[in-house]
Amino acid sequence: MYLKPLQIGDVTTKNNIILAPMAGITDLPFRSIVEEFGVGLVYTEMASAKAIFYGDEKTNKLLNTNGEKRPIRSANFWK
């Protein structure tokens, strides 16, 4: 496998391995585990915009990023 840094805007990842966002899978514990294996970029859980707007407690727990490496970017990072 050919690994190389990936440049996205002003962020450079250590390699080009990316963990896709997956509903019900990519919570904080899972992201922490895959980062130990050297993934260059991970995404948070897929979450409902409506649940975020109304401050749903379960959704807020899914989007927890406490203790994760920075930078953490929101969806507007891609715009």
PDB file of N, CA and C in Angstrom:
ATOM      1  N   MET A   1       0.852  -1.176   0.000  1.00  0.00           N
ATOM      2  CA  MET A   1       0.000   0.000   0.000  1.00  0.00           C
ATOM      3  C   MET A   1       0.896   1.237   0.000  1.00  0.00           C
ATOM      4  N   TYR A   2       0.535   2.217  -0.784  1.00  0.00           N
ATOM      5  CA  TYR A   2       1.319   3.435  -0.887  1.00  0.00           C
ATOM      6  C   TYR A   2       0.718   4.511   0.003  1.00  0.00           C
ATOM      7  N   LEU A   3       1.418   4.857   1.068  1.00  0.00           N
ATOM      8  CA  LEU A   3       0.945   5.879   2.000  1.00  0.00           C
ATOM      9  C   LEU A   3       1.663   7.192   1.739  1.00  0.00           C
ATOM     10  N   LYS A   4       0.901   8.268   1.751  1.00  0.00           N
ATOM     11  CA  LYS A   4       1.492   9.590   1.571  1.00  0.00           C
ATOM     12  C   LYS A   4       0.637  10.602   2.314  1.00  0.00           C
ATOM     13  N   PRO A   5       1.207  11.726   2.705  1.00  0.00           N
ATOM     14  CA  PRO A   5       0.422  12.781   3.361  1.00  0.00           C
ATOM     15  C   PRO A   5      -0.668  13.295   2.426  1.00  0.00           C
ATOM     16  N   LEU A   6      -1.743  13.763   3.012  1.00  0.00           N
ATOM     17  CA  LEU A   6      -2.862  14.296   2.255  1.00  0.00           C
ATOM     18  C   LEU A   6      -3.095  15.733   2.698  1.00  0.00           C
ATOM     19  N   GLN A   7      -3.184  16.661   1.744  1.00  0.00           N
ATOM     20  CA  GLN A   7      -3.408  18.074   2.034  1.00  0.00           C
ATOM     21  C   GLN A   7      -4.854  18.429   1.738  1.00  0.00           C
ATOM     22  N   ILE A   8      -5.587  18.905   2.763  1.00  0.00           N
ATOM     23  CA  ILE A   8      -6.966  19.359   2.596  1.00  0.00           C
ATOM     24  C   ILE A   8      -7.040  20.745   3.218  1.00  0.00           C
ATOM     25  N   GLY A   9      -7.124  21.761   2.392  1.00  0.00           N
ATOM     26  CA  GLY A   9      -7.115  23.131   2.897  1.00  0.00           C
ATOM     27  C   GLY A   9      -5.819  23.401   3.634  1.00  0.00           C
ATOM     28  N   ASP A  10      -5.909  23.858   4.887  1.00  0.00           N
ATOM     29  CA  ASP A  10      -4.708  24.130   5.668  1.00  0.00           C
ATOM     30  C   ASP A  10      -4.330  22.975   6.592  1.00  0.00           C
ATOM     31  N   VAL A  11      -4.955  21.810   6.381  1.00  0.00           N
ATOM     32  CA  VAL A  11      -4.678  20.633   7.210  1.00  0.00           C
ATOM     33  C   VAL A  11      -3.916  19.609   6.389  1.00  0.00           C
ATOM     34  N   THR A  12      -2.836  19.073   6.964  1.00  0.00           N
ATOM     35  CA  THR A  12      -2.089  17.995   6.340  1.00  0.00           C
ATOM     36  C   THR A  12      -2.186  16.763   7.234  1.00  0.00           C
ATOM     37  N   THR A  13      -2.652  15.654   6.668  1.00  0.00           N
ATOM     38  CA  THR A  13      -2.754  14.415   7.433  1.00  0.00           C
ATOM     39  C   THR A  13      -1.439  13.662   7.325  1.00  0.00           C
ATOM     40  N   LYS A  14      -1.219  12.708   8.244  1.00  0.00           N
ATOM     41  CA  LYS A  14       0.037  11.952   8.200  1.00  0.00           C
ATOM     42  C   LYS A  14       0.035  10.908   7.092  1.00  0.00           C
ATOM     43  N   ASN A  15      -1.156  10.494   6.626  1.00  0.00           N
ATOM     44  CA  ASN A  15      -1.236   9.561   5.504  1.00  0.00           C
ATOM     45  C   ASN A  15      -2.589   9.714   4.819  1.00  0.00           C
ATOM     46  N   ASN A  16      -2.803   8.927   3.772  1.00  0.00           N
ATOM     47  CA  ASN A  16      -4.026   9.052   2.984  1.00  0.00           C
ATOM     48  C   ASN A  16      -5.070   7.985   3.321  1.00  0.00           C
ATOM     49  N   ILE A  17      -5.021   7.432   4.513  1.00  0.00           N
ATOM     50  CA  ILE A  17      -6.042   6.485   4.952  1.00  0.00           C
ATOM     51  C   ILE A  17      -7.127   7.262   5.681  1.00  0.00           C
ATOM     52  N   ILE A  18      -8.373   7.125   5.200  1.00  0.00           N
ATOM     53  CA  ILE A  18      -9.488   7.897   5.742  1.00  0.00           C
ATOM     54  C   ILE A  18     -10.590   6.948   6.202  1.00  0.00           C
ATOM     55  N   LEU A  19     -11.049   7.149   7.430  1.00  0.00           N
ATOM     56  CA  LEU A  19     -12.177   6.396   7.953  1.00  0.00           C
ATOM     57  C   LEU A  19     -13.447   7.160   7.610  1.00  0.00           C
ATOM     58  N   ALA A  20     -14.319   6.551   6.823  1.00  0.00           N
ATOM     59  CA  ALA A  20     -15.557   7.204   6.395  1.00  0.00           C
ATOM     60  C   ALA A  20     -16.527   7.362   7.556  1.00  0.00           C
ATOM     61  N   PRO A  21     -17.393   8.387   7.493  1.00  0.00           N
ATOM     62  CA  PRO A  21     -18.419   8.530   8.531  1.00  0.00           C
ATOM     63  C   PRO A  21     -19.468   7.442   8.359  1.00  0.00           C
ATOM     64  N   MET A  22     -19.793   6.744   9.450  1.00  0.00           N
ATOM     65  CA  MET A  22     -20.778   5.660   9.387  1.00  0.00           C
ATOM     66  C   MET A  22     -21.732   5.791  10.569  1.00  0.00           C
ATOM     67  N   ALA A  23     -23.017   5.905  10.277  1.00  0.00           N
ATOM     68  CA  ALA A  23     -24.025   6.039  11.328  1.00  0.00           C
ATOM     69  C   ALA A  23     -24.014   4.795  12.213  1.00  0.00           C
ATOM     70  N   GLY A  24     -23.941   5.025  13.519  1.00  0.00           N
ATOM     71  CA  GLY A  24     -23.967   3.921  14.468  1.00  0.00           C
ATOM     72  C   GLY A  24     -22.637   3.219  14.651  1.00  0.00           C
ATOM     73  N   ILE A  25     -21.596   3.669  13.979  1.00  0.00           N
ATOM     74  CA  ILE A  25     -20.290   2.997  14.046  1.00  0.00           C
ATOM     75  C   ILE A  25     -19.198   3.931  14.554  1.00  0.00           C
ATOM     76  N   THR A  26     -19.057   5.104  13.976  1.00  0.00           N
ATOM     77  CA  THR A  26     -17.892   5.956  14.225  1.00  0.00           C
ATOM     78  C   THR A  26     -18.056   6.854  15.448  1.00  0.00           C
ATOM     79  N   ASP A  27     -18.369   6.242  16.583  1.00  0.00           N
ATOM     80  CA  ASP A  27     -18.458   7.002  17.834  1.00  0.00           C
ATOM     81  C   ASP A  27     -17.048   7.202  18.407  1.00  0.00           C
ATOM     82  N   LEU A  28     -16.952   7.921  19.507  1.00  0.00           N
ATOM     83  CA  LEU A  28     -15.658   8.267  20.091  1.00  0.00           C
ATOM     84  C   LEU A  28     -14.781   7.050  20.392  1.00  0.00           C
ATOM     85  N   PRO A  29     -15.286   5.992  21.035  1.00  0.00           N
ATOM     86  CA  PRO A  29     -14.420   4.836  21.298  1.00  0.00           C
ATOM     87  C   PRO A  29     -13.879   4.187  20.021  1.00  0.00           C
ATOM     88  N   PHE A  30     -14.722   4.074  18.993  1.00  0.00           N
ATOM     89  CA  PHE A  30     -14.266   3.467  17.741  1.00  0.00           C
ATOM     90  C   PHE A  30     -13.206   4.334  17.069  1.00  0.00           C
ATOM     91  N   ARG A  31     -13.428   5.652  17.031  1.00  0.00           N
ATOM     92  CA  ARG A  31     -12.436   6.550  16.438  1.00  0.00           C
ATOM     93  C   ARG A  31     -11.108   6.480  17.179  1.00  0.00           C
ATOM     94  N   SER A  32     -11.159   6.353  18.496  1.00  0.00           N
ATOM     95  CA  SER A  32      -9.926   6.249  19.290  1.00  0.00           C
ATOM     96  C   SER A  32      -9.152   4.983  18.936  1.00  0.00           C
ATOM     97  N   ILE A  33      -9.874   3.891  18.743  1.00  0.00           N
ATOM     98  CA  ILE A  33      -9.224   2.618  18.389  1.00  0.00           C
ATOM     99  C   ILE A  33      -8.565   2.711  17.022  1.00  0.00           C
ATOM    100  N   VAL A  34      -9.291   3.207  16.012  1.00  0.00           N
ATOM    101  CA  VAL A  34      -8.703   3.247  14.671  1.00  0.00           C
ATOM    102  C   VAL A  34      -7.547   4.234  14.592  1.00  0.00           C
ATOM    103  N   GLU A  35      -7.577   5.294  15.400  1.00  0.00           N
ATOM    104  CA  GLU A  35      -6.439   6.229  15.409  1.00  0.00           C
ATOM    105  C   GLU A  35      -5.173   5.546  15.923  1.00  0.00           C
ATOM    106  N   GLU A  36      -5.317   4.608  16.836  1.00  0.00           N
ATOM    107  CA  GLU A  36      -4.154   3.854  17.328  1.00  0.00           C
ATOM    108  C   GLU A  36      -3.504   3.032  16.225  1.00  0.00           C
ATOM    109  N   PHE A  37      -4.271   2.673  15.199  1.00  0.00           N
ATOM    110  CA  PHE A  37      -3.743   1.910  14.075  1.00  0.00           C
ATOM    111  C   PHE A  37      -3.190   2.795  12.964  1.00  0.00           C
ATOM    112  N   GLY A  38      -3.186   4.117  13.180  1.00  0.00           N
ATOM    113  CA  GLY A  38      -2.510   5.022  12.259  1.00  0.00           C
ATOM    114  C   GLY A  38      -3.344   5.639  11.164  1.00  0.00           C
ATOM    115  N   VAL A  39      -4.654   5.668  11.294  1.00  0.00           N
ATOM    116  CA  VAL A  39      -5.500   6.301  10.286  1.00  0.00           C
ATOM    117  C   VAL A  39      -5.166   7.791  10.218  1.00  0.00           C
ATOM    118  N   GLY A  40      -5.103   8.330   9.005  1.00  0.00           N
ATOM    119  CA  GLY A  40      -4.750   9.733   8.829  1.00  0.00           C
ATOM    120  C   GLY A  40      -5.879  10.702   9.103  1.00  0.00           C
ATOM    121  N   LEU A  41      -7.125  10.290   8.876  1.00  0.00           N
ATOM    122  CA  LEU A  41      -8.270  11.183   9.040  1.00  0.00           C
ATOM    123  C   LEU A  41      -9.481  10.364   9.442  1.00  0.00           C
ATOM    124  N   VAL A  42     -10.190  10.803  10.470  1.00  0.00           N
ATOM    125  CA  VAL A  42     -11.423  10.134  10.892  1.00  0.00           C
ATOM    126  C   VAL A  42     -12.561  11.143  10.915  1.00  0.00           C
ATOM    127  N   TYR A  43     -13.768  10.648  10.789  1.00  0.00           N
ATOM    128  CA  TYR A  43     -14.969  11.468  10.841  1.00  0.00           C
ATOM    129  C   TYR A  43     -15.783  11.115  12.074  1.00  0.00           C
ATOM    130  N   THR A  44     -16.585  12.073  12.524  1.00  0.00           N
ATOM    131  CA  THR A  44     -17.510  11.810  13.620  1.00  0.00           C
ATOM    132  C   THR A  44     -18.711  11.036  13.076  1.00  0.00           C
ATOM    133  N   GLU A  45     -19.589  10.677  13.986  1.00  0.00           N
ATOM    134  CA  GLU A  45     -20.840  10.018  13.620  1.00  0.00           C
ATOM    135  C   GLU A  45     -21.628  10.850  12.623  1.00  0.00           C
ATOM    136  N   MET A  46     -22.412  10.176  11.798  1.00  0.00           N
ATOM    137  CA  MET A  46     -23.391  10.885  10.986  1.00  0.00           C
ATOM    138  C   MET A  46     -24.547  11.199  11.926  1.00  0.00           C
ATOM    139  N   ALA A  47     -25.024  12.417  11.908  1.00  0.00           N
ATOM    140  CA  ALA A  47     -26.069  12.817  12.835  1.00  0.00           C
ATOM    141  C   ALA A  47     -27.125  13.641  12.119  1.00  0.00           C
ATOM    142  N   SER A  48     -28.324  13.575  12.633  1.00  0.00           N
ATOM    143  CA  SER A  48     -29.452  14.320  12.085  1.00  0.00           C
ATOM    144  C   SER A  48     -29.300  15.811  12.392  1.00  0.00           C
ATOM    145  N   ALA A  49     -29.420  16.634  11.364  1.00  0.00           N
ATOM    146  CA  ALA A  49     -29.354  18.084  11.559  1.00  0.00           C
ATOM    147  C   ALA A  49     -30.486  18.555  12.470  1.00  0.00           C
ATOM    148  N   LYS A  50     -31.631  17.929  12.354  1.00  0.00           N
ATOM    149  CA  LYS A  50     -32.778  18.299  13.182  1.00  0.00           C
ATOM    150  C   LYS A  50     -32.479  18.011  14.659  1.00  0.00           C
ATOM    151  N   ALA A  51     -31.862  16.859  14.932  1.00  0.00           N
ATOM    152  CA  ALA A  51     -31.519  16.513  16.317  1.00  0.00           C
ATOM    153  C   ALA A  51     -30.471  17.470  16.875  1.00  0.00           C
ATOM    154  N   ILE A  52     -29.531  17.890  16.053  1.00  0.00           N
ATOM    155  CA  ILE A  52     -28.526  18.857  16.498  1.00  0.00           C
ATOM    156  C   ILE A  52     -29.193  20.197  16.796  1.00  0.00           C
ATOM    157  N   PHE A  53     -30.079  20.624  15.897  1.00  0.00           N
ATOM    158  CA  PHE A  53     -30.774  21.905  16.067  1.00  0.00           C
ATOM    159  C   PHE A  53     -31.553  21.945  17.379  1.00  0.00           C
ATOM    160  N   TYR A  54     -32.231  20.851  17.711  1.00  0.00           N
ATOM    161  CA  TYR A  54     -33.042  20.822  18.921  1.00  0.00           C
ATOM    162  C   TYR A  54     -32.257  20.388  20.160  1.00  0.00           C
ATOM    163  N   GLY A  55     -30.957  20.173  20.020  1.00  0.00           N
ATOM    164  CA  GLY A  55     -30.108  19.855  21.167  1.00  0.00           C
ATOM    165  C   GLY A  55     -30.374  18.496  21.784  1.00  0.00           C
ATOM    166  N   ASP A  56     -30.691  17.495  20.948  1.00  0.00           N
ATOM    167  CA  ASP A  56     -30.963  16.149  21.440  1.00  0.00           C
ATOM    168  C   ASP A  56     -29.761  15.592  22.208  1.00  0.00           C
ATOM    169  N   GLU A  57     -29.991  15.124  23.423  1.00  0.00           N
ATOM    170  CA  GLU A  57     -28.907  14.667  24.300  1.00  0.00           C
ATOM    171  C   GLU A  57     -28.165  13.462  23.723  1.00  0.00           C
ATOM    172  N   LYS A  58     -28.881  12.508  23.159  1.00  0.00           N
ATOM    173  CA  LYS A  58     -28.233  11.319  22.588  1.00  0.00           C
ATOM    174  C   LYS A  58     -27.348  11.707  21.397  1.00  0.00           C
ATOM    175  N   THR A  59     -27.836  12.631  20.586  1.00  0.00           N
ATOM    176  CA  THR A  59     -27.047  13.088  19.445  1.00  0.00           C
ATOM    177  C   THR A  59     -25.794  13.810  19.915  1.00  0.00           C
ATOM    178  N   ASN A  60     -25.907  14.634  20.934  1.00  0.00           N
ATOM    179  CA  ASN A  60     -24.732  15.324  21.473  1.00  0.00           C
ATOM    180  C   ASN A  60     -23.687  14.333  21.971  1.00  0.00           C
ATOM    181  N   LYS A  61     -24.117  13.226  22.561  1.00  0.00           N
ATOM    182  CA  LYS A  61     -23.174  12.191  23.008  1.00  0.00           C
ATOM    183  C   LYS A  61     -22.480  11.540  21.824  1.00  0.00           C
ATOM    184  N   LEU A  62     -23.215  11.331  20.724  1.00  0.00           N
ATOM    185  CA  LEU A  62     -22.614  10.738  19.528  1.00  0.00           C
ATOM    186  C   LEU A  62     -21.523  11.635  18.949  1.00  0.00           C
ATOM    187  N   LEU A  63     -21.698  12.938  19.095  1.00  0.00           N
ATOM    188  CA  LEU A  63     -20.761  13.894  18.504  1.00  0.00           C
ATOM    189  C   LEU A  63     -19.643  14.310  19.460  1.00  0.00           C
ATOM    190  N   ASN A  64     -19.513  13.621  20.570  1.00  0.00           N
ATOM    191  CA  ASN A  64     -18.474  13.920  21.558  1.00  0.00           C
ATOM    192  C   ASN A  64     -17.082  13.791  20.934  1.00  0.00           C
ATOM    193  N   THR A  65     -16.254  14.809  21.107  1.00  0.00           N
ATOM    194  CA  THR A  65     -14.875  14.784  20.602  1.00  0.00           C
ATOM    195  C   THR A  65     -13.860  15.050  21.703  1.00  0.00           C
ATOM    196  N   ASN A  66     -14.269  14.938  22.969  1.00  0.00           N
ATOM    197  CA  ASN A  66     -13.364  15.213  24.089  1.00  0.00           C
ATOM    198  C   ASN A  66     -12.137  14.312  24.036  1.00  0.00           C
ATOM    199  N   GLY A  67     -10.959  14.928  24.121  1.00  0.00           N
ATOM    200  CA  GLY A  67      -9.714  14.181  24.150  1.00  0.00           C
ATOM    201  C   GLY A  67      -9.177  13.765  22.795  1.00  0.00           C
ATOM    202  N   GLU A  68      -9.869  14.102  21.719  1.00  0.00           N
ATOM    203  CA  GLU A  68      -9.386  13.707  20.397  1.00  0.00           C
ATOM    204  C   GLU A  68      -8.357  14.701  19.880  1.00  0.00           C
ATOM    205  N   LYS A  69      -7.545  14.218  18.951  1.00  0.00           N
ATOM    206  CA  LYS A  69      -6.520  15.061  18.339  1.00  0.00           C
ATOM    207  C   LYS A  69      -7.174  16.200  17.585  1.00  0.00           C
ATOM    208  N   ARG A  70      -6.506  17.293  17.506  1.00  0.00           N
ATOM    209  CA  ARG A  70      -6.976  18.462  16.781  1.00  0.00           C
ATOM    210  C   ARG A  70      -6.187  18.577  15.484  1.00  0.00           C
ATOM    211  N   PRO A  71      -6.670  19.232  14.471  1.00  0.00           N
ATOM    212  CA  PRO A  71      -7.886  20.035  14.445  1.00  0.00           C
ATOM    213  C   PRO A  71      -9.123  19.174  14.222  1.00  0.00           C
ATOM    214  N   ILE A  72     -10.226  19.629  14.765  1.00  0.00           N
ATOM    215  CA  ILE A  72     -11.527  19.018  14.491  1.00  0.00           C
ATOM    216  C   ILE A  72     -12.301  20.050  13.694  1.00  0.00           C
ATOM    217  N   ARG A  73     -12.772  19.649  12.537  1.00  0.00           N
ATOM    218  CA  ARG A  73     -13.460  20.589  11.643  1.00  0.00           C
ATOM    219  C   ARG A  73     -14.924  20.219  11.526  1.00  0.00           C
ATOM    220  N   SER A  74     -15.730  21.230  11.349  1.00  0.00           N
ATOM    221  CA  SER A  74     -17.152  21.006  11.126  1.00  0.00           C
ATOM    222  C   SER A  74     -17.393  20.766   9.642  1.00  0.00           C
ATOM    223  N   ALA A  75     -18.643  20.500   9.293  1.00  0.00           N
ATOM    224  CA  ALA A  75     -18.986  20.239   7.899  1.00  0.00           C
ATOM    225  C   ALA A  75     -18.676  21.426   6.999  1.00  0.00           C
ATOM    226  N   ASN A  76     -18.691  22.690   7.515  1.00  0.00           N
ATOM    227  CA  ASN A  76     -18.405  23.833   6.650  1.00  0.00           C
ATOM    228  C   ASN A  76     -16.942  23.906   6.251  1.00  0.00           C
ATOM    229  N   PHE A  77     -16.107  23.042   6.822  1.00  0.00           N
ATOM    230  CA  PHE A  77     -14.701  22.978   6.435  1.00  0.00           C
ATOM    231  C   PHE A  77     -14.575  22.727   4.935  1.00  0.00           C
ATOM    232  N   TRP A  78     -15.498  21.984   4.347  1.00  0.00           N
ATOM    233  CA  TRP A  78     -15.404  21.608   2.942  1.00  0.00           C
ATOM    234  C   TRP A  78     -15.934  22.671   2.008  1.00  0.00           C
ATOM    235  N   LYS A  79     -16.530  23.737   2.540  1.00  0.00           N
ATOM    236  CA  LYS A  79     -17.111  24.769   1.667  1.00  0.00           C
ATOM    237  C   LYS A  79     -16.103  25.852   1.371  1.00  0.00           C
TER     238      LYS A  79
END
